[in-house]
Protein backbone atom coordinates (compact mmCIF):
# COMPACT_ATOMS: atom_id res chain seq x y z
CA MET A 1 -25.50 -23.86 -8.51
CA SER A 2 -21.76 -24.13 -7.93
CA VAL A 3 -19.86 -20.85 -8.10
CA ILE A 4 -16.41 -22.42 -7.89
CA LYS A 5 -14.86 -25.79 -8.66
CA PRO A 6 -11.34 -27.24 -8.56
CA GLU A 7 -9.07 -26.89 -11.59
CA ARG A 8 -5.71 -28.50 -12.24
CA ILE A 9 -2.87 -26.08 -12.91
CA PHE A 10 -1.32 -28.39 -15.50
CA GLU A 11 -4.62 -28.55 -17.42
CA LEU A 12 -5.28 -24.80 -17.57
CA THR A 13 -5.43 -23.20 -21.00
CA GLU A 14 -3.15 -20.20 -21.41
CA GLU A 15 -6.23 -17.97 -21.64
CA ARG A 16 -7.64 -19.30 -18.37
CA LYS A 17 -4.28 -19.00 -16.64
CA GLN A 18 -3.93 -15.36 -17.72
CA THR A 19 -7.46 -14.59 -16.53
CA ILE A 20 -6.54 -15.86 -13.05
CA LEU A 21 -3.19 -14.06 -12.99
CA LYS A 22 -4.59 -10.74 -14.21
CA ARG A 23 -7.66 -10.91 -11.92
CA SER A 24 -9.44 -7.54 -11.72
CA MET A 25 -6.50 -5.20 -12.19
CA GLU A 26 -7.39 -1.51 -11.93
CA ASP A 27 -7.99 0.12 -15.32
CA ILE A 28 -7.88 3.89 -15.16
CA SER A 29 -7.75 4.56 -18.91
CA SER A 30 -11.46 5.44 -19.22
CA ILE A 31 -11.33 8.07 -16.46
CA TYR A 32 -7.79 9.37 -16.93
CA LEU A 33 -8.66 12.51 -18.92
CA ASP A 34 -11.49 13.54 -16.59
CA VAL A 35 -9.26 13.12 -13.53
CA ARG A 36 -6.44 15.02 -15.24
CA ASP A 37 -8.80 17.97 -15.80
CA ILE A 38 -9.64 18.04 -12.07
CA VAL A 39 -5.96 17.85 -11.13
CA MET A 40 -5.05 20.71 -13.49
CA ASP A 41 -7.97 22.79 -12.22
CA ILE A 42 -6.75 22.36 -8.62
CA GLN A 43 -3.26 23.37 -9.73
CA ASN A 44 -4.66 26.59 -11.21
CA ARG A 45 -7.49 27.54 -8.80
CA GLY A 46 -6.63 25.72 -5.57
CA ASP A 47 -9.29 25.41 -2.85
CA GLU A 48 -12.01 27.02 -4.98
CA VAL A 49 -12.29 23.82 -7.01
CA SER A 50 -12.93 21.72 -3.90
CA ILE A 51 -15.36 24.31 -2.51
CA ASP A 52 -17.34 24.21 -5.77
CA HIS A 53 -17.38 20.41 -5.68
CA TYR A 54 -18.58 20.15 -2.06
CA ARG A 55 -21.29 22.79 -2.36
CA LYS A 56 -23.59 19.78 -2.88
CA PHE A 57 -22.96 18.91 0.80
CA LYS A 58 -23.20 22.45 2.21
CA GLU A 59 -24.49 25.43 0.25
CA ASP A 60 -22.69 28.14 2.24
CA ILE A 61 -19.37 26.26 2.29
CA SER A 62 -16.11 28.19 2.74
CA ARG A 63 -12.44 27.36 3.28
CA VAL A 64 -13.08 27.06 7.02
CA ASP A 65 -15.27 23.99 6.39
CA LEU A 66 -12.43 22.10 4.74
CA VAL A 67 -10.19 21.81 7.81
CA VAL A 68 -11.04 19.61 10.81
CA THR A 69 -10.98 21.59 14.06
CA LYS A 70 -9.85 20.48 17.51
CA GLU A 71 -13.48 20.65 18.64
CA GLU A 72 -14.56 18.24 15.87
CA THR A 73 -11.95 15.72 17.00
CA GLU A 74 -13.01 16.04 20.64
CA LYS A 75 -16.64 15.52 19.64
CA ALA A 76 -15.61 12.42 17.67
CA TYR A 77 -14.01 10.93 20.79
CA GLU A 78 -17.23 11.56 22.73
CA SER A 79 -19.39 9.92 20.06
CA LEU A 80 -17.27 6.89 19.19
CA ASP A 81 -17.70 3.65 21.14
CA ASP A 82 -15.16 3.47 23.99
CA ASN A 83 -14.24 -0.11 23.08
CA VAL A 84 -13.41 0.92 19.50
CA ILE A 85 -11.15 3.68 20.83
CA LYS A 86 -9.46 1.22 23.19
CA GLU A 87 -8.75 -1.30 20.43
CA LEU A 88 -7.56 1.37 18.00
CA LYS A 89 -4.98 2.35 20.61
CA ASN A 90 -4.03 -1.30 21.11
CA ALA A 91 -3.56 -1.82 17.36
CA ALA A 92 -1.60 1.44 17.10
CA LYS A 93 0.80 0.22 19.79
CA ASN A 94 1.66 -2.93 17.80
CA ILE A 95 1.93 -1.07 14.51
CA GLU A 96 4.31 1.49 16.04
CA LYS A 97 6.43 -1.24 17.67
CA PHE A 98 6.83 -3.17 14.41
CA HIS A 99 7.63 -0.09 12.33
CA ARG A 100 10.07 1.33 14.88
CA ALA A 101 12.12 -1.85 14.42
CA GLN A 102 12.53 -0.90 10.73
CA LEU A 103 14.54 2.24 11.45
CA ASP A 104 18.04 2.16 9.98
CA ARG A 105 21.20 3.60 11.48
CA GLU A 106 21.18 7.36 11.06
CA MET A 107 24.61 7.28 9.42
CA TRP A 108 27.24 4.77 8.40
CA SER A 109 30.55 5.03 6.56
CA MET A 110 33.37 2.84 5.28
CA GLU A 111 36.87 3.24 3.87
CA VAL A 112 36.52 2.20 0.22
CA MET A 113 40.27 2.63 -0.33
CA GLU A 114 42.94 4.30 1.75
CA GLY A 115 42.10 7.98 1.82
CA ILE A 116 38.55 7.52 0.47
CA LEU A 117 35.70 7.60 2.99
CA ALA A 118 32.14 6.97 1.72
CA GLY A 119 28.91 6.61 3.64
CA ARG A 120 25.18 7.12 3.77
CA LEU A 121 22.78 9.22 5.84
CA THR A 122 19.15 8.52 6.75
CA ARG A 123 16.85 11.54 6.63
CA PRO A 124 13.04 11.76 6.88
CA MET A 125 10.91 13.62 4.36
CA ASP A 126 9.67 17.06 5.42
CA ALA A 127 5.97 16.55 4.65
CA ILE A 128 3.81 13.65 3.50
CA GLY A 129 0.15 13.26 2.67
CA ALA A 130 -2.05 10.31 3.60
CA TYR A 131 -5.33 9.60 1.85
CA LEU A 132 -7.92 8.26 4.30
CA PRO A 133 -10.96 6.57 2.72
CA GLY A 134 -14.33 7.88 3.83
CA ARG A 135 -18.09 7.94 3.22
CA LYS A 136 -19.04 4.40 2.09
CA ALA A 137 -15.60 2.94 2.87
CA ILE A 138 -14.50 3.93 6.36
CA TYR A 139 -11.32 2.18 7.46
CA PRO A 140 -9.81 3.64 10.65
CA SER A 141 -7.25 0.82 10.52
CA SER A 142 -5.91 2.29 7.26
CA VAL A 143 -5.43 5.61 9.04
CA LEU A 144 -3.09 3.93 11.53
CA MET A 145 -1.24 2.11 8.73
CA ASP A 146 -0.70 5.30 6.70
CA VAL A 147 0.27 7.71 9.46
CA ILE A 148 2.20 5.74 12.09
CA PRO A 149 5.14 4.69 9.85
CA ALA A 150 5.59 8.32 8.78
CA LYS A 151 5.52 9.45 12.39
CA VAL A 152 8.07 6.80 13.36
CA ALA A 153 10.30 7.85 10.44
CA GLY A 154 10.42 11.40 11.81
CA VAL A 155 8.35 13.21 9.16
CA GLU A 156 7.75 16.77 10.43
CA LYS A 157 4.36 17.42 8.79
CA ILE A 158 1.74 14.72 8.22
CA VAL A 159 -1.24 15.95 6.20
CA THR A 160 -4.32 13.75 5.83
CA CYS A 161 -7.35 14.07 3.57
CA THR A 162 -10.66 12.23 3.93
CA PRO A 163 -13.95 12.53 2.01
CA PRO A 164 -16.67 14.29 4.03
CA ASP A 165 -20.37 13.45 4.12
CA MET A 166 -23.44 15.69 4.08
CA GLY A 167 -22.87 18.87 6.04
CA MET A 168 -19.10 18.53 5.52
CA VAL A 169 -18.87 16.08 8.42
CA ALA A 170 -15.98 13.59 8.57
CA SER A 171 -16.17 10.05 9.96
CA GLU A 172 -15.80 9.96 13.75
CA ALA A 173 -13.68 6.80 13.59
CA THR A 174 -11.37 8.39 11.02
CA LEU A 175 -10.87 11.50 13.14
CA VAL A 176 -10.12 9.51 16.29
CA ALA A 177 -7.71 7.20 14.44
CA ALA A 178 -5.92 10.19 12.88
CA ASP A 179 -5.47 11.72 16.32
CA ILE A 180 -4.20 8.46 17.86
CA ALA A 181 -1.77 7.97 14.95
CA GLY A 182 -0.39 11.50 15.23
CA ALA A 183 -1.63 13.28 12.08
CA ASP A 184 -0.91 17.02 12.15
CA ILE A 185 -3.88 18.15 10.08
CA VAL A 186 -7.05 16.53 8.70
CA ILE A 187 -8.63 18.03 5.60
CA LYS A 188 -12.19 17.19 4.56
CA ILE A 189 -11.57 16.64 0.85
CA GLY A 190 -11.68 13.34 -1.05
CA GLY A 191 -10.96 11.82 -4.46
CA PRO A 192 -8.76 13.53 -7.05
CA TRP A 193 -9.43 16.88 -5.34
CA ALA A 194 -7.57 15.65 -2.26
CA ILE A 195 -4.65 14.17 -4.19
CA ALA A 196 -4.12 17.27 -6.32
CA SER A 197 -4.48 19.60 -3.31
CA MET A 198 -1.76 17.75 -1.40
CA ALA A 199 0.46 17.47 -4.49
CA TYR A 200 0.41 21.18 -5.38
CA GLY A 201 -0.55 22.83 -2.10
CA THR A 202 -3.43 25.28 -1.60
CA ASP A 203 -4.35 27.91 0.97
CA CYS A 204 -5.84 25.18 3.19
CA VAL A 205 -3.76 22.16 2.24
CA PRO A 206 0.02 22.13 2.75
CA LYS A 207 2.10 20.82 -0.14
CA VAL A 208 3.64 17.41 0.54
CA ASP A 209 6.57 15.43 -0.83
CA LYS A 210 4.77 12.09 -1.04
CA ILE A 211 1.19 10.75 -0.96
CA VAL A 212 0.28 7.31 0.38
CA GLY A 213 -2.90 5.43 1.17
CA PRO A 214 -5.54 3.35 -0.62
CA GLY A 215 -8.48 4.77 -2.55
CA ASN A 216 -10.79 4.09 -5.49
CA LYS A 217 -9.74 4.20 -9.14
CA TYR A 218 -10.17 8.00 -9.25
CA VAL A 219 -7.71 8.36 -6.39
CA THR A 220 -5.32 5.94 -8.11
CA ALA A 221 -5.57 7.86 -11.39
CA ALA A 222 -4.86 11.17 -9.65
CA LYS A 223 -1.84 9.69 -7.88
CA MET A 224 -0.48 8.43 -11.20
CA ILE A 225 -0.96 11.88 -12.75
CA VAL A 226 0.94 13.78 -10.03
CA PHE A 227 3.70 11.15 -9.74
CA GLY A 228 7.02 12.66 -10.72
CA GLN A 229 6.11 16.02 -9.22
CA ILE A 230 5.77 14.21 -5.90
CA ASP A 231 6.33 10.58 -4.92
CA ILE A 232 3.52 8.08 -4.34
CA ASP A 233 3.25 4.59 -2.90
CA SER A 234 2.45 1.62 -5.16
CA PRO A 235 -0.76 1.73 -7.25
CA ALA A 236 -3.50 0.03 -5.24
CA GLY A 237 -6.25 -2.08 -6.78
CA PRO A 238 -8.88 -4.53 -5.52
CA SER A 239 -7.99 -6.72 -2.54
CA GLU A 240 -6.71 -10.27 -3.13
CA VAL A 241 -5.44 -13.38 -1.35
CA LEU A 242 -3.63 -16.52 -2.45
CA ILE A 243 -3.70 -19.45 -0.03
CA LEU A 244 -0.92 -22.02 -0.48
CA ALA A 245 -1.99 -25.19 1.33
CA ASP A 246 -1.24 -28.89 1.62
CA LYS A 247 -3.23 -31.81 3.03
CA SER A 248 -2.56 -30.67 6.63
CA ALA A 249 -4.82 -27.61 6.22
CA ASP A 250 -8.30 -27.50 7.74
CA PRO A 251 -10.70 -27.16 4.75
CA ARG A 252 -13.28 -25.19 6.75
CA LEU A 253 -10.72 -22.60 7.89
CA VAL A 254 -9.30 -22.34 4.38
CA ALA A 255 -12.80 -21.83 2.95
CA ILE A 256 -13.61 -19.13 5.51
CA ASP A 257 -10.31 -17.34 4.84
CA PHE A 258 -11.02 -17.54 1.10
CA ILE A 259 -14.54 -16.14 1.45
CA SER A 260 -13.46 -13.41 3.89
CA GLN A 261 -11.25 -11.87 1.23
CA VAL A 262 -13.85 -11.79 -1.54
CA GLU A 263 -16.40 -10.00 0.65
CA HIS A 264 -14.57 -6.71 0.01
CA ASP A 265 -16.18 -6.01 -3.36
CA GLU A 266 -17.00 -7.53 -6.75
CA ASP A 267 -13.44 -6.98 -7.99
CA ALA A 268 -11.73 -8.80 -5.11
CA ALA A 269 -9.91 -12.05 -5.84
CA GLY A 270 -9.28 -15.29 -3.97
CA VAL A 271 -7.08 -18.17 -5.09
CA LEU A 272 -6.30 -21.47 -3.40
CA VAL A 273 -3.29 -23.42 -4.66
CA SER A 274 -3.03 -26.87 -3.09
CA THR A 275 -1.15 -30.11 -3.58
CA SER A 276 -4.18 -31.94 -2.12
CA GLU A 277 -7.05 -32.71 -4.47
CA GLN A 278 -9.21 -33.71 -1.50
CA LEU A 279 -8.63 -30.36 0.23
CA ALA A 280 -9.46 -28.46 -2.96
CA GLU A 281 -12.73 -30.33 -3.40
CA GLU A 282 -13.76 -29.92 0.23
CA VAL A 283 -13.05 -26.18 0.16
CA CYS A 284 -15.17 -25.76 -2.98
CA ASN A 285 -18.01 -27.75 -1.43
CA ILE A 286 -17.99 -25.57 1.70
CA ILE A 287 -17.96 -22.35 -0.31
CA ASN A 288 -20.77 -23.53 -2.60
CA ASP A 289 -22.85 -24.72 0.37
CA GLU A 290 -22.48 -21.48 2.36
CA ILE A 291 -22.51 -18.74 -0.28
CA ASP A 292 -26.31 -18.35 -0.47
CA ASP A 293 -26.62 -17.75 3.28
CA LEU A 294 -23.95 -15.04 3.57
CA PRO A 295 -24.78 -11.32 4.01
CA ARG A 296 -22.79 -10.09 1.00
CA LYS A 297 -23.54 -13.08 -1.24
CA GLU A 298 -24.09 -11.11 -4.47
CA ILE A 299 -20.76 -9.33 -4.13
CA MET A 300 -19.02 -12.59 -3.23
CA ARG A 301 -20.63 -14.53 -6.05
CA GLU A 302 -19.38 -12.07 -8.66
CA ALA A 303 -15.86 -12.01 -7.19
CA LEU A 304 -15.77 -15.82 -7.05
CA ILE A 305 -16.98 -16.33 -10.62
CA ASN A 306 -14.92 -13.60 -12.29
CA ASN A 307 -11.65 -13.34 -10.36
CA SER A 308 -11.16 -16.43 -8.20
CA ALA A 309 -9.93 -20.01 -8.56
CA VAL A 310 -9.21 -23.20 -6.63
CA LEU A 311 -6.18 -24.86 -8.20
CA ILE A 312 -4.64 -28.30 -7.76
CA ALA A 313 -0.87 -28.56 -8.27
CA LYS A 314 0.87 -31.82 -9.12
CA ASP A 315 3.53 -31.06 -6.48
CA MET A 316 4.78 -28.27 -4.22
CA ASP A 317 7.28 -27.05 -6.84
CA GLN A 318 4.44 -26.31 -9.26
CA ALA A 319 2.38 -24.75 -6.47
CA ILE A 320 5.20 -22.39 -5.52
CA ASP A 321 5.92 -21.48 -9.14
CA PHE A 322 2.31 -20.41 -9.61
CA THR A 323 2.33 -18.59 -6.27
CA ASN A 324 5.37 -16.55 -7.27
CA ASP A 325 3.87 -15.81 -10.68
CA TYR A 326 0.63 -14.61 -9.07
CA ALA A 327 2.52 -12.29 -6.67
CA ALA A 328 -0.37 -11.87 -4.26
CA GLU A 329 -1.13 -8.90 -2.07
CA HIS A 330 -1.85 -11.33 0.79
CA LEU A 331 -0.24 -14.78 0.81
CA GLN A 332 -1.28 -17.40 3.34
CA ILE A 333 0.96 -20.45 3.75
CA VAL A 334 -1.03 -23.19 5.47
CA THR A 335 1.26 -26.21 5.28
CA GLU A 336 2.93 -28.64 7.68
CA GLU A 337 6.18 -26.64 7.66
CA PRO A 338 5.47 -23.07 6.46
CA PHE A 339 8.92 -21.77 7.46
CA ALA A 340 10.52 -24.37 5.19
CA LEU A 341 8.70 -22.81 2.21
CA LEU A 342 9.32 -19.17 3.15
CA PRO A 343 12.79 -18.95 1.51
CA ARG A 344 11.23 -20.05 -1.79
CA ILE A 345 8.65 -17.24 -1.86
CA LYS A 346 9.89 -14.45 -4.13
CA HIS A 347 6.87 -12.22 -4.60
CA ALA A 348 4.15 -11.30 -2.07
CA GLY A 349 2.91 -8.17 -0.34
CA SER A 350 2.51 -9.69 3.12
CA ILE A 351 2.87 -13.35 4.15
CA PHE A 352 0.68 -15.07 6.76
CA MET A 353 2.07 -18.35 8.03
CA GLY A 354 0.37 -21.28 9.72
CA PRO A 355 -3.26 -22.05 10.61
CA TYR A 356 -3.55 -19.25 13.18
CA ALA A 357 -2.51 -16.30 10.99
CA PRO A 358 -5.55 -15.30 8.91
CA VAL A 359 -5.26 -12.13 6.84
CA PRO A 360 -7.45 -9.99 9.18
CA VAL A 361 -4.76 -10.04 11.90
CA GLY A 362 -2.47 -8.16 9.52
CA ASP A 363 -5.35 -5.93 8.43
CA TYR A 364 -5.78 -4.67 11.95
CA ALA A 365 -3.41 -5.43 14.77
CA SER A 366 -0.39 -7.74 14.37
CA GLY A 367 1.81 -4.73 13.59
CA THR A 368 2.62 -5.32 9.91
CA ASN A 369 1.25 -2.84 7.38
CA HIS A 370 -1.86 -3.58 5.32
CA VAL A 371 -1.18 -1.00 2.61
CA LEU A 372 0.13 -3.50 0.06
CA PRO A 373 0.80 -3.87 -3.68
CA THR A 374 -1.93 -5.60 -5.71
CA GLY A 375 -2.33 -6.94 -9.24
CA GLN A 376 1.14 -8.57 -9.46
CA CYS A 377 2.77 -5.32 -8.33
CA ALA A 378 4.36 -7.31 -5.49
CA LYS A 379 6.93 -8.28 -8.13
CA MET A 380 8.33 -4.75 -7.92
CA PHE A 381 6.79 -3.02 -4.89
CA SER A 382 6.74 -3.67 -1.14
CA GLY A 383 4.10 -2.87 1.44
CA LEU A 384 4.12 0.53 3.12
CA SER A 385 6.89 0.91 5.70
CA VAL A 386 9.18 3.41 7.39
CA ASP A 387 11.39 3.18 4.28
CA ASP A 388 8.68 4.96 2.28
CA PHE A 389 9.18 8.13 4.30
CA ILE A 390 12.96 8.42 4.43
CA LYS A 391 15.70 9.37 1.98
CA LYS A 392 19.23 8.04 2.04
CA PRO A 393 21.75 10.55 0.68
CA THR A 394 25.32 9.36 0.31
CA PHE A 395 28.50 11.31 1.19
CA GLN A 396 32.23 11.01 0.58
CA TYR A 397 35.45 12.57 1.92
CA LEU A 398 38.77 12.13 0.10
CA THR A 399 42.32 13.01 1.12
CA LYS A 400 44.66 14.28 -1.59
CA ASP A 401 46.34 10.88 -1.68
CA GLY A 402 42.95 9.21 -1.96
CA LEU A 403 42.03 11.38 -4.95
CA ARG A 404 45.43 10.64 -6.52
CA LYS A 405 44.61 6.91 -6.45
CA LEU A 406 41.43 7.56 -8.47
CA LYS A 407 42.79 10.34 -10.74
CA ASP A 408 43.50 8.15 -13.77
CA THR A 409 40.21 6.26 -13.46
CA VAL A 410 38.08 9.40 -13.24
CA THR A 411 39.86 11.43 -15.92
CA THR A 412 39.97 8.52 -18.39
CA LEU A 413 36.25 7.74 -18.02
CA ALA A 414 35.23 11.43 -18.07
CA GLU A 415 37.12 12.06 -21.32
CA ALA A 416 35.70 8.85 -22.83
CA GLU A 417 32.26 10.36 -22.26
CA GLY A 418 33.29 13.72 -23.73
CA LEU A 419 33.09 15.53 -20.39
CA PHE A 420 36.49 17.20 -20.42
CA MET A 421 35.78 19.70 -17.64
CA HIS A 422 34.93 16.77 -15.38
CA ALA A 423 38.45 15.47 -16.00
CA ARG A 424 39.94 18.93 -15.50
CA ALA A 425 38.17 19.29 -12.11
CA VAL A 426 40.37 16.42 -10.92
CA ARG A 427 43.64 17.36 -12.69
CA GLU A 428 43.55 20.96 -11.40
CA ARG A 429 44.05 19.68 -7.87
CA PHE A 430 47.49 18.27 -8.78
CA LYS A 431 48.97 21.24 -10.63
């Protein structure tokens, strides 16, 4: 039975179009109150809440069990495959190189008018927290993506939290990756307990100014709850890809790229938008032929049926309009001249161009960050970068003559807003 078939964009009903655009966006409404209770409990009782929660993994648990020791990290290096360690270091090198290029000038200034100097500084945050998935979902690559940009930005304290397993043991790959990336401390706490602990600070967990990193819907809910008291990165949902292709694309490669994205989980989404009806049909045929022989076929089948689509556009203008409306986490442009289309792309988390740039290269080692906005959030958020860990305060210096030039403007506007002491603060300097 076919799990996917081509559809024409110009024949889609509004309901079908909205289903594709909305895909499987994260809904935290059903768990919000439960997560809020955990967050508030952490705020009031600190580490004791996490200790109570993880007693299921170790009966005689204490605060000491929450913090990863130097010996645990050394043991992780001994246990982890040498080739994995080597390639983690190789990926880290590229990620650091790319993110170091994002650093702005530490300070700049300009003369706005004669006697008025204004400028901006670049300053790193003092402390940030990175959530590192664990247990069933172990992604050492995400550790590199979360921690390295903060390290490059100059953050003084990088706190990481990861869910432990039975016996309060953390993933070896996670510990090694955290060490390679330069994390200062690794805490064995997961879920909302980790987010709240980093947001408010406990005896074991330093308080941070911002929390980044992907997690499940409970992690997302906790991040939304503490936002405003600390900063967070963009809300992260299920993984997704949109492939924009023309007749020059290889249908087998497009099909494999499509399938590779929906193997994440049942909520993942894949979309192909093509100006070639033949390509669309061939891609569907390949997917339908191969799906029953793939290791994660049940997961893929559900993602394909519920959240995915192969769409035929009447021309490239229509294809690009839909692409921008979809605002994909991952966008692949597989056309004859991908750079010619790049200026027309308005919304995407990360863009992969040409036949030799599949999404996994960005997931692991090309240097760009894979912590990206999902569910159309690319319309207002960017992927994680050095910018997420720095602040940019402005400054100004005025001579008396410079202030005189602005005296009438400032006093007039201040009095128009009813702020008469604001106006007086300027006038007093000319008495």
